[in-house]
Amino acid sequence: MTDADTGVTHDAFLGGRLTLRQPRQGYRAGVDPVLLAASVPAAPGQHILDLGCGVGTAMLCLHARVPDLSLTGVEVQADYAALARLNAADSGADAVVHTADLTDLPDAVRQQTYDHVIMNPPYFDRAAGAAAADPGRDLGRGGPVGLSAWLDCGIRRVRPKGMLSVIHPAGQLDLILSTLFGRLGSMQVRPLSARAGRAPSLVIVQARHGGRAPLALAAPLVLHAGAIHKDDRPDYTPQIAAMLRDGIKLPMQD
């Protein structure tokens, strides 16, 4: 049976440097996990935990930029976790993917801490809108575990001097910062705006275990060129296009 028979596509990321299996129907990775990965200041030999890893997009994009990482993924949906394992094997990554809920992590994860914990939690309030027709897409868009629980889980897994990185809608920045306050420090916030002059729609927030530097708020990175999207062609700014195509690092400060 081929991937086409099972409803799986092969999609290119980072200008073709990375090819990922994704479900044809259901939750499919966009640019957010790619930008999250681009922001992480990992170094070779470090240990990475990707909470809610899906098919492995963020951690494998990070692996494509930084060699010799030890990757651990946690994904509650078994079919997505299975695809993440296949994707990791195809990319040559040193990766273990656990099928588990982040509120009930396996011992192998709970007994470890990590240099970097990364996450791209569901954006939508499940109680505030209609469910998606596909169960996988529905859970990926708005699962039953709230943002505070995601952050709490991540904070507990960051080792001393390690870092937590999260991408999320800007409207939840107050909750992110209040949850991190007093537990992680040296917080950095990079807003992301769809177009110049628009309010940020997303933020990437990073915080360090034991960090003491004051909060640093950077200017927004603009994702798209021009005031409007004029046709079907991608219109990313050159800087964002280089991150998505070439995997260059996303600067958290100007």
C-alpha atoms as a PDB file:
ATOM      1  CA  MET A   1       0.000   0.000   0.000  1.00  0.00           C
ATOM      2  CA  THR A   2       1.419   3.388  -0.978  1.00  0.00           C
ATOM      3  CA  ASP A   3       1.282   6.628   0.964  1.00  0.00           C
ATOM      4  CA  ALA A   4      -1.262   7.862  -1.578  1.00  0.00           C
ATOM      5  CA  ASP A   5      -3.489   4.923  -0.670  1.00  0.00           C
ATOM      6  CA  THR A   6      -3.267   5.779   3.027  1.00  0.00           C
ATOM      7  CA  GLY A   7      -3.906   9.505   2.603  1.00  0.00           C
ATOM      8  CA  VAL A   8      -0.353  10.694   3.265  1.00  0.00           C
ATOM      9  CA  THR A   9       1.483  13.371   1.298  1.00  0.00           C
ATOM     10  CA  HIS A  10       5.209  14.102   1.013  1.00  0.00           C
ATOM     11  CA  ASP A  11       5.813  17.829   1.473  1.00  0.00           C
ATOM     12  CA  ALA A  12       9.023  19.800   1.015  1.00  0.00           C
ATOM     13  CA  PHE A  13      10.268  22.186   3.695  1.00  0.00           C
ATOM     14  CA  LEU A  14      13.363  24.395   3.816  1.00  0.00           C
ATOM     15  CA  GLY A  15      13.621  24.593   0.063  1.00  0.00           C
ATOM     16  CA  GLY A  16      13.542  20.819  -0.291  1.00  0.00           C
ATOM     17  CA  ARG A  17      16.236  20.070   2.295  1.00  0.00           C
ATOM     18  CA  LEU A  18      13.569  18.339   4.368  1.00  0.00           C
ATOM     19  CA  THR A  19      10.655  16.223   3.152  1.00  0.00           C
ATOM     20  CA  LEU A  20       7.921  15.341   5.615  1.00  0.00           C
ATOM     21  CA  ARG A  21       5.049  12.907   5.469  1.00  0.00           C
ATOM     22  CA  GLN A  22       1.802  14.588   6.489  1.00  0.00           C
ATOM     23  CA  PRO A  23      -1.820  13.468   6.494  1.00  0.00           C
ATOM     24  CA  ARG A  24      -3.629  14.598   3.362  1.00  0.00           C
ATOM     25  CA  GLN A  25      -6.638  15.377   5.521  1.00  0.00           C
ATOM     26  CA  GLY A  26      -6.276  16.679   9.053  1.00  0.00           C
ATOM     27  CA  TYR A  27      -3.799  18.993  10.718  1.00  0.00           C
ATOM     28  CA  ARG A  28      -0.994  20.020   8.354  1.00  0.00           C
ATOM     29  CA  ALA A  29       2.035  22.050   9.358  1.00  0.00           C
ATOM     30  CA  GLY A  30       2.341  25.604   8.092  1.00  0.00           C
ATOM     31  CA  VAL A  31       5.068  28.175   8.567  1.00  0.00           C
ATOM     32  CA  ASP A  32       4.683  28.524  12.352  1.00  0.00           C
ATOM     33  CA  PRO A  33       6.736  25.465  13.410  1.00  0.00           C
ATOM     34  CA  VAL A  34       9.380  26.381  10.823  1.00  0.00           C
ATOM     35  CA  LEU A  35       9.744  29.873  12.299  1.00  0.00           C
ATOM     36  CA  LEU A  36       9.750  28.441  15.817  1.00  0.00           C
ATOM     37  CA  ALA A  37      12.621  26.128  14.867  1.00  0.00           C
ATOM     38  CA  ALA A  38      14.473  29.023  13.241  1.00  0.00           C
ATOM     39  CA  SER A  39      14.377  30.953  16.529  1.00  0.00           C
ATOM     40  CA  VAL A  40      15.944  28.266  18.739  1.00  0.00           C
ATOM     41  CA  PRO A  41      19.645  28.915  19.558  1.00  0.00           C
ATOM     42  CA  ALA A  42      20.563  25.243  19.791  1.00  0.00           C
ATOM     43  CA  ALA A  43      24.106  23.921  19.541  1.00  0.00           C
ATOM     44  CA  PRO A  44      25.374  20.537  18.324  1.00  0.00           C
ATOM     45  CA  GLY A  45      25.114  17.831  20.954  1.00  0.00           C
ATOM     46  CA  GLN A  46      22.205  19.388  22.823  1.00  0.00           C
ATOM     47  CA  HIS A  47      18.985  17.631  23.836  1.00  0.00           C
ATOM     48  CA  ILE A  48      15.689  18.929  22.453  1.00  0.00           C
ATOM     49  CA  LEU A  49      12.142  18.180  23.638  1.00  0.00           C
ATOM     50  CA  ASP A  50       9.310  19.013  21.225  1.00  0.00           C
ATOM     51  CA  LEU A  51       5.976  18.941  23.052  1.00  0.00           C
ATOM     52  CA  GLY A  52       3.058  18.268  20.720  1.00  0.00           C
ATOM     53  CA  CYS A  53       5.471  17.503  17.904  1.00  0.00           C
ATOM     54  CA  GLY A  54       2.861  16.444  15.329  1.00  0.00           C
ATOM     55  CA  VAL A  55       4.720  14.908  12.391  1.00  0.00           C
ATOM     56  CA  GLY A  56       7.987  16.360  13.700  1.00  0.00           C
ATOM     57  CA  THR A  57       8.100  19.592  11.704  1.00  0.00           C
ATOM     58  CA  ALA A  58       9.692  21.914  14.269  1.00  0.00           C
ATOM     59  CA  MET A  59      12.284  19.537  15.676  1.00  0.00           C
ATOM     60  CA  LEU A  60      13.305  18.239  12.244  1.00  0.00           C
ATOM     61  CA  CYS A  61      13.616  21.766  10.824  1.00  0.00           C
ATOM     62  CA  LEU A  62      15.869  22.528  13.793  1.00  0.00           C
ATOM     63  CA  HIS A  63      17.854  19.358  13.107  1.00  0.00           C
ATOM     64  CA  ALA A  64      18.315  20.447   9.484  1.00  0.00           C
ATOM     65  CA  ARG A  65      19.984  23.670  10.694  1.00  0.00           C
ATOM     66  CA  VAL A  66      21.909  22.311  13.693  1.00  0.00           C
ATOM     67  CA  PRO A  67      23.616  18.904  13.358  1.00  0.00           C
ATOM     68  CA  ASP A  68      24.055  16.231  16.015  1.00  0.00           C
ATOM     69  CA  LEU A  69      21.028  17.048  18.138  1.00  0.00           C
ATOM     70  CA  SER A  70      19.299  14.481  20.316  1.00  0.00           C
ATOM     71  CA  LEU A  71      15.568  14.885  19.659  1.00  0.00           C
ATOM     72  CA  THR A  72      12.614  13.777  21.762  1.00  0.00           C
ATOM     73  CA  GLY A  73       9.058  14.316  20.584  1.00  0.00           C
ATOM     74  CA  VAL A  74       5.781  13.884  22.443  1.00  0.00           C
ATOM     75  CA  GLU A  75       2.581  13.606  20.408  1.00  0.00           C
ATOM     76  CA  VAL A  76      -0.824  12.500  21.672  1.00  0.00           C
ATOM     77  CA  GLN A  77      -2.174  11.336  18.289  1.00  0.00           C
ATOM     78  CA  ALA A  78      -0.740   7.935  17.427  1.00  0.00           C
ATOM     79  CA  ASP A  79      -0.951   8.348  13.645  1.00  0.00           C
ATOM     80  CA  TYR A  80       0.896  11.669  13.758  1.00  0.00           C
ATOM     81  CA  ALA A  81       3.519  10.217  16.103  1.00  0.00           C
ATOM     82  CA  ALA A  82       4.039   7.322  13.681  1.00  0.00           C
ATOM     83  CA  LEU A  83       4.618   9.778  10.834  1.00  0.00           C
ATOM     84  CA  ALA A  84       7.060  11.726  13.019  1.00  0.00           C
ATOM     85  CA  ARG A  85       9.085   8.544  13.560  1.00  0.00           C
ATOM     86  CA  LEU A  86       9.190   7.868   9.822  1.00  0.00           C
ATOM     87  CA  ASN A  87      10.135  11.478   9.093  1.00  0.00           C
ATOM     88  CA  ALA A  88      12.917  11.405  11.676  1.00  0.00           C
ATOM     89  CA  ALA A  89      14.300   8.183  10.227  1.00  0.00           C
ATOM     90  CA  ASP A  90      14.213   9.622   6.706  1.00  0.00           C
ATOM     91  CA  SER A  91      16.097  12.732   7.841  1.00  0.00           C
ATOM     92  CA  GLY A  92      18.758  10.767   9.695  1.00  0.00           C
ATOM     93  CA  ALA A  93      17.894  12.411  13.005  1.00  0.00           C
ATOM     94  CA  ASP A  94      18.664  10.904  16.397  1.00  0.00           C
ATOM     95  CA  ALA A  95      15.062  10.999  17.572  1.00  0.00           C
ATOM     96  CA  VAL A  96      12.633   9.224  19.868  1.00  0.00           C
ATOM     97  CA  VAL A  97       8.921  10.006  19.555  1.00  0.00           C
ATOM     98  CA  HIS A  98       6.538   9.064  22.362  1.00  0.00           C
ATOM     99  CA  THR A  99       2.806   8.693  21.868  1.00  0.00           C
ATOM    100  CA  ALA A 100       1.589  10.354  25.053  1.00  0.00           C
ATOM    101  CA  ASP A 101      -0.453  13.176  26.532  1.00  0.00           C
ATOM    102  CA  LEU A 102       1.652  15.978  27.960  1.00  0.00           C
ATOM    103  CA  THR A 103      -0.373  15.755  31.184  1.00  0.00           C
ATOM    104  CA  ASP A 104       0.812  12.150  31.574  1.00  0.00           C
ATOM    105  CA  LEU A 105       4.338  12.023  30.207  1.00  0.00           C
ATOM    106  CA  PRO A 106       6.174   8.695  30.044  1.00  0.00           C
ATOM    107  CA  ASP A 107       8.868   8.090  32.644  1.00  0.00           C
ATOM    108  CA  ALA A 108      11.570   8.379  29.992  1.00  0.00           C
ATOM    109  CA  VAL A 109      10.588  12.039  29.524  1.00  0.00           C
ATOM    110  CA  ARG A 110       9.632  12.926  33.106  1.00  0.00           C
ATOM    111  CA  GLN A 111      12.975  11.715  34.405  1.00  0.00           C
ATOM    112  CA  GLN A 112      14.948  13.892  31.981  1.00  0.00           C
ATOM    113  CA  THR A 113      15.556  17.590  31.502  1.00  0.00           C
ATOM    114  CA  TYR A 114      16.476  19.221  28.212  1.00  0.00           C
ATOM    115  CA  ASP A 115      18.605  22.039  26.832  1.00  0.00           C
ATOM    116  CA  HIS A 116      15.670  23.280  24.773  1.00  0.00           C
ATOM    117  CA  VAL A 117      11.963  22.650  25.138  1.00  0.00           C
ATOM    118  CA  ILE A 118       9.954  23.850  22.141  1.00  0.00           C
ATOM    119  CA  MET A 119       6.219  23.981  21.592  1.00  0.00           C
ATOM    120  CA  ASN A 120       3.569  25.182  19.162  1.00  0.00           C
ATOM    121  CA  PRO A 121       0.388  24.640  21.216  1.00  0.00           C
ATOM    122  CA  PRO A 122      -3.097  24.613  19.657  1.00  0.00           C
ATOM    123  CA  TYR A 123      -4.257  28.155  18.993  1.00  0.00           C
ATOM    124  CA  PHE A 124      -8.031  27.914  19.280  1.00  0.00           C
ATOM    125  CA  ASP A 125     -10.347  27.774  22.259  1.00  0.00           C
ATOM    126  CA  ARG A 126     -12.257  24.532  21.850  1.00  0.00           C
ATOM    127  CA  ALA A 127     -15.249  25.954  23.756  1.00  0.00           C
ATOM    128  CA  ALA A 128     -15.457  29.051  21.550  1.00  0.00           C
ATOM    129  CA  GLY A 129     -15.988  27.528  18.105  1.00  0.00           C
ATOM    130  CA  ALA A 130     -17.246  24.591  16.105  1.00  0.00           C
ATOM    131  CA  ALA A 131     -15.151  21.451  15.884  1.00  0.00           C
ATOM    132  CA  ALA A 132     -13.304  20.663  12.659  1.00  0.00           C
ATOM    133  CA  ALA A 133     -14.676  17.738  10.658  1.00  0.00           C
ATOM    134  CA  ASP A 134     -11.396  15.813  10.805  1.00  0.00           C
ATOM    135  CA  PRO A 135     -10.527  14.648  14.360  1.00  0.00           C
ATOM    136  CA  GLY A 136      -6.789  15.107  13.840  1.00  0.00           C
ATOM    137  CA  ARG A 137      -7.224  18.644  12.569  1.00  0.00           C
ATOM    138  CA  ASP A 138      -9.655  19.416  15.371  1.00  0.00           C
ATOM    139  CA  LEU A 139      -7.236  18.296  18.079  1.00  0.00           C
ATOM    140  CA  GLY A 140      -4.331  20.087  16.410  1.00  0.00           C
ATOM    141  CA  ARG A 141      -6.283  23.356  16.274  1.00  0.00           C
ATOM    142  CA  GLY A 142      -7.709  23.311  19.784  1.00  0.00           C
ATOM    143  CA  GLY A 143      -7.045  20.440  22.146  1.00  0.00           C
ATOM    144  CA  PRO A 144      -8.460  19.858  25.622  1.00  0.00           C
ATOM    145  CA  VAL A 145      -5.239  20.892  27.416  1.00  0.00           C
ATOM    146  CA  GLY A 146      -4.997  24.619  28.106  1.00  0.00           C
ATOM    147  CA  LEU A 147      -2.004  26.834  27.381  1.00  0.00           C
ATOM    148  CA  SER A 148      -1.044  27.119  31.058  1.00  0.00           C
ATOM    149  CA  ALA A 149      -0.704  23.339  31.284  1.00  0.00           C
ATOM    150  CA  TRP A 150       1.458  23.275  28.157  1.00  0.00           C
ATOM    151  CA  LEU A 151       3.757  25.918  29.600  1.00  0.00           C
ATOM    152  CA  ASP A 152       3.888  24.276  33.020  1.00  0.00           C
ATOM    153  CA  CYS A 153       4.870  20.976  31.427  1.00  0.00           C
ATOM    154  CA  GLY A 154       7.594  22.660  29.398  1.00  0.00           C
ATOM    155  CA  ILE A 155       8.986  24.653  32.326  1.00  0.00           C
ATOM    156  CA  ARG A 156       9.397  21.480  34.370  1.00  0.00           C
ATOM    157  CA  ARG A 157      11.460  19.842  31.646  1.00  0.00           C
ATOM    158  CA  VAL A 158      13.971  22.677  31.095  1.00  0.00           C
ATOM    159  CA  ARG A 159      17.358  21.965  32.650  1.00  0.00           C
ATOM    160  CA  PRO A 160      19.435  24.661  34.401  1.00  0.00           C
ATOM    161  CA  LYS A 161      20.579  27.247  31.830  1.00  0.00           C
ATOM    162  CA  GLY A 162      18.219  25.610  29.342  1.00  0.00           C
ATOM    163  CA  MET A 163      15.559  27.448  27.348  1.00  0.00           C
ATOM    164  CA  LEU A 164      11.863  27.177  26.581  1.00  0.00           C
ATOM    165  CA  SER A 165      10.603  28.480  23.216  1.00  0.00           C
ATOM    166  CA  VAL A 166       6.935  28.853  22.284  1.00  0.00           C
ATOM    167  CA  ILE A 167       5.047  30.347  19.333  1.00  0.00           C
ATOM    168  CA  HIS A 168       1.467  31.434  19.955  1.00  0.00           C
ATOM    169  CA  PRO A 169      -1.110  34.125  19.126  1.00  0.00           C
ATOM    170  CA  ALA A 170      -0.137  37.545  20.443  1.00  0.00           C
ATOM    171  CA  GLY A 171      -3.415  37.824  22.338  1.00  0.00           C
ATOM    172  CA  GLN A 172      -2.148  35.191  24.770  1.00  0.00           C
ATOM    173  CA  LEU A 173       1.130  36.974  25.541  1.00  0.00           C
ATOM    174  CA  ASP A 174      -0.080  38.071  28.976  1.00  0.00           C
ATOM    175  CA  LEU A 175      -0.837  34.481  29.968  1.00  0.00           C
ATOM    176  CA  ILE A 176       2.511  33.259  28.639  1.00  0.00           C
ATOM    177  CA  LEU A 177       4.517  35.869  30.533  1.00  0.00           C
ATOM    178  CA  SER A 178       2.555  35.496  33.763  1.00  0.00           C
ATOM    179  CA  THR A 179       3.013  31.713  33.680  1.00  0.00           C
ATOM    180  CA  LEU A 180       6.751  32.018  33.074  1.00  0.00           C
ATOM    181  CA  PHE A 181       7.307  34.798  35.624  1.00  0.00           C
ATOM    182  CA  GLY A 182       9.243  33.668  38.674  1.00  0.00           C
ATOM    183  CA  ARG A 183      10.064  30.284  37.148  1.00  0.00           C
ATOM    184  CA  LEU A 184      12.139  31.136  34.076  1.00  0.00           C
ATOM    185  CA  GLY A 185      13.936  34.398  33.346  1.00  0.00           C
ATOM    186  CA  SER A 186      15.720  36.409  30.648  1.00  0.00           C
ATOM    187  CA  MET A 187      12.479  36.439  28.669  1.00  0.00           C
ATOM    188  CA  GLN A 188      12.615  37.542  25.041  1.00  0.00           C
ATOM    189  CA  VAL A 189       9.586  38.346  22.904  1.00  0.00           C
ATOM    190  CA  ARG A 190       9.639  38.606  19.118  1.00  0.00           C
ATOM    191  CA  PRO A 191       6.268  39.682  17.668  1.00  0.00           C
ATOM    192  CA  LEU A 192       5.337  38.565  14.149  1.00  0.00           C
ATOM    193  CA  SER A 193       3.114  40.771  11.983  1.00  0.00           C
ATOM    194  CA  ALA A 194       1.428  39.641   8.797  1.00  0.00           C
ATOM    195  CA  ARG A 195       2.185  42.961   7.062  1.00  0.00           C
ATOM    196  CA  ALA A 196       3.883  46.247   7.855  1.00  0.00           C
ATOM    197  CA  GLY A 197       1.709  48.533   9.940  1.00  0.00           C
ATOM    198  CA  ARG A 198      -0.505  45.740  11.248  1.00  0.00           C
ATOM    199  CA  ALA A 199      -0.672  44.636  14.849  1.00  0.00           C
ATOM    200  CA  PRO A 200       1.301  41.454  15.559  1.00  0.00           C
ATOM    201  CA  SER A 201      -0.722  38.282  15.179  1.00  0.00           C
ATOM    202  CA  LEU A 202       1.857  35.910  16.680  1.00  0.00           C
ATOM    203  CA  VAL A 203       4.680  36.029  19.192  1.00  0.00           C
ATOM    204  CA  ILE A 204       7.695  33.840  19.771  1.00  0.00           C
ATOM    205  CA  VAL A 205       8.628  33.851  23.449  1.00  0.00           C
ATOM    206  CA  GLN A 206      11.833  32.414  24.869  1.00  0.00           C
ATOM    207  CA  ALA A 207      12.875  32.157  28.511  1.00  0.00           C
ATOM    208  CA  ARG A 208      15.875  30.633  30.269  1.00  0.00           C
ATOM    209  CA  HIS A 209      16.150  28.529  33.416  1.00  0.00           C
ATOM    210  CA  GLY A 210      18.094  30.671  35.881  1.00  0.00           C
ATOM    211  CA  GLY A 211      18.126  33.695  33.568  1.00  0.00           C
ATOM    212  CA  ARG A 212      18.255  37.113  35.240  1.00  0.00           C
ATOM    213  CA  ALA A 213      18.233  39.540  32.326  1.00  0.00           C
ATOM    214  CA  PRO A 214      15.225  41.884  32.059  1.00  0.00           C
ATOM    215  CA  LEU A 215      12.413  41.222  29.617  1.00  0.00           C
ATOM    216  CA  ALA A 216      13.456  42.109  26.055  1.00  0.00           C
ATOM    217  CA  LEU A 217      10.723  43.074  23.586  1.00  0.00           C
ATOM    218  CA  ALA A 218      11.886  43.254  19.967  1.00  0.00           C
ATOM    219  CA  ALA A 219      10.287  45.055  17.044  1.00  0.00           C
ATOM    220  CA  PRO A 220       7.868  42.940  14.997  1.00  0.00           C
ATOM    221  CA  LEU A 221       9.163  40.822  12.155  1.00  0.00           C
ATOM    222  CA  VAL A 222       6.984  41.375   9.093  1.00  0.00           C
ATOM    223  CA  LEU A 223       6.044  38.166   7.288  1.00  0.00           C
ATOM    224  CA  HIS A 224       4.640  39.426   3.981  1.00  0.00           C
ATOM    225  CA  ALA A 225       5.721  42.168   1.578  1.00  0.00           C
ATOM    226  CA  GLY A 226       3.275  44.831   0.451  1.00  0.00           C
ATOM    227  CA  ALA A 227       0.002  46.044   1.878  1.00  0.00           C
ATOM    228  CA  ILE A 228      -2.158  43.261   0.417  1.00  0.00           C
ATOM    229  CA  HIS A 229      -1.770  39.806  -1.120  1.00  0.00           C
ATOM    230  CA  LYS A 230      -2.238  40.444  -4.843  1.00  0.00           C
ATOM    231  CA  ASP A 231      -2.139  36.934  -6.312  1.00  0.00           C
ATOM    232  CA  ASP A 232      -1.577  33.278  -5.447  1.00  0.00           C
ATOM    233  CA  ARG A 233       2.213  33.499  -5.396  1.00  0.00           C
ATOM    234  CA  PRO A 234       4.018  33.605  -2.029  1.00  0.00           C
ATOM    235  CA  ASP A 235       4.815  37.161  -0.989  1.00  0.00           C
ATOM    236  CA  TYR A 236       7.069  36.627   2.016  1.00  0.00           C
ATOM    237  CA  THR A 237       9.628  39.303   2.796  1.00  0.00           C
ATOM    238  CA  PRO A 238      13.198  38.353   1.792  1.00  0.00           C
ATOM    239  CA  GLN A 239      14.173  37.748   5.425  1.00  0.00           C
ATOM    240  CA  ILE A 240      11.239  35.422   6.111  1.00  0.00           C
ATOM    241  CA  ALA A 241      11.665  33.678   2.754  1.00  0.00           C
ATOM    242  CA  ALA A 242      15.279  32.918   3.659  1.00  0.00           C
ATOM    243  CA  MET A 243      14.151  31.359   6.939  1.00  0.00           C
ATOM    244  CA  LEU A 244      11.530  29.219   5.213  1.00  0.00           C
ATOM    245  CA  ARG A 245      13.686  28.290   2.206  1.00  0.00           C
ATOM    246  CA  ASP A 246      17.235  28.195   3.554  1.00  0.00           C
ATOM    247  CA  GLY A 247      16.662  27.601   7.258  1.00  0.00           C
ATOM    248  CA  ILE A 248      18.549  30.692   8.413  1.00  0.00           C
ATOM    249  CA  LYS A 249      18.203  31.664  12.055  1.00  0.00           C
ATOM    250  CA  LEU A 250      15.397  33.954  13.200  1.00  0.00           C
ATOM    251  CA  PRO A 251      16.888  36.727  15.372  1.00  0.00           C
ATOM    252  CA  MET A 252      15.066  37.278  18.640  1.00  0.00           C
ATOM    253  CA  GLN A 253      16.564  40.765  18.989  1.00  0.00           C
ATOM    254  CA  ASP A 254      17.316  43.494  16.439  1.00  0.00           C
END
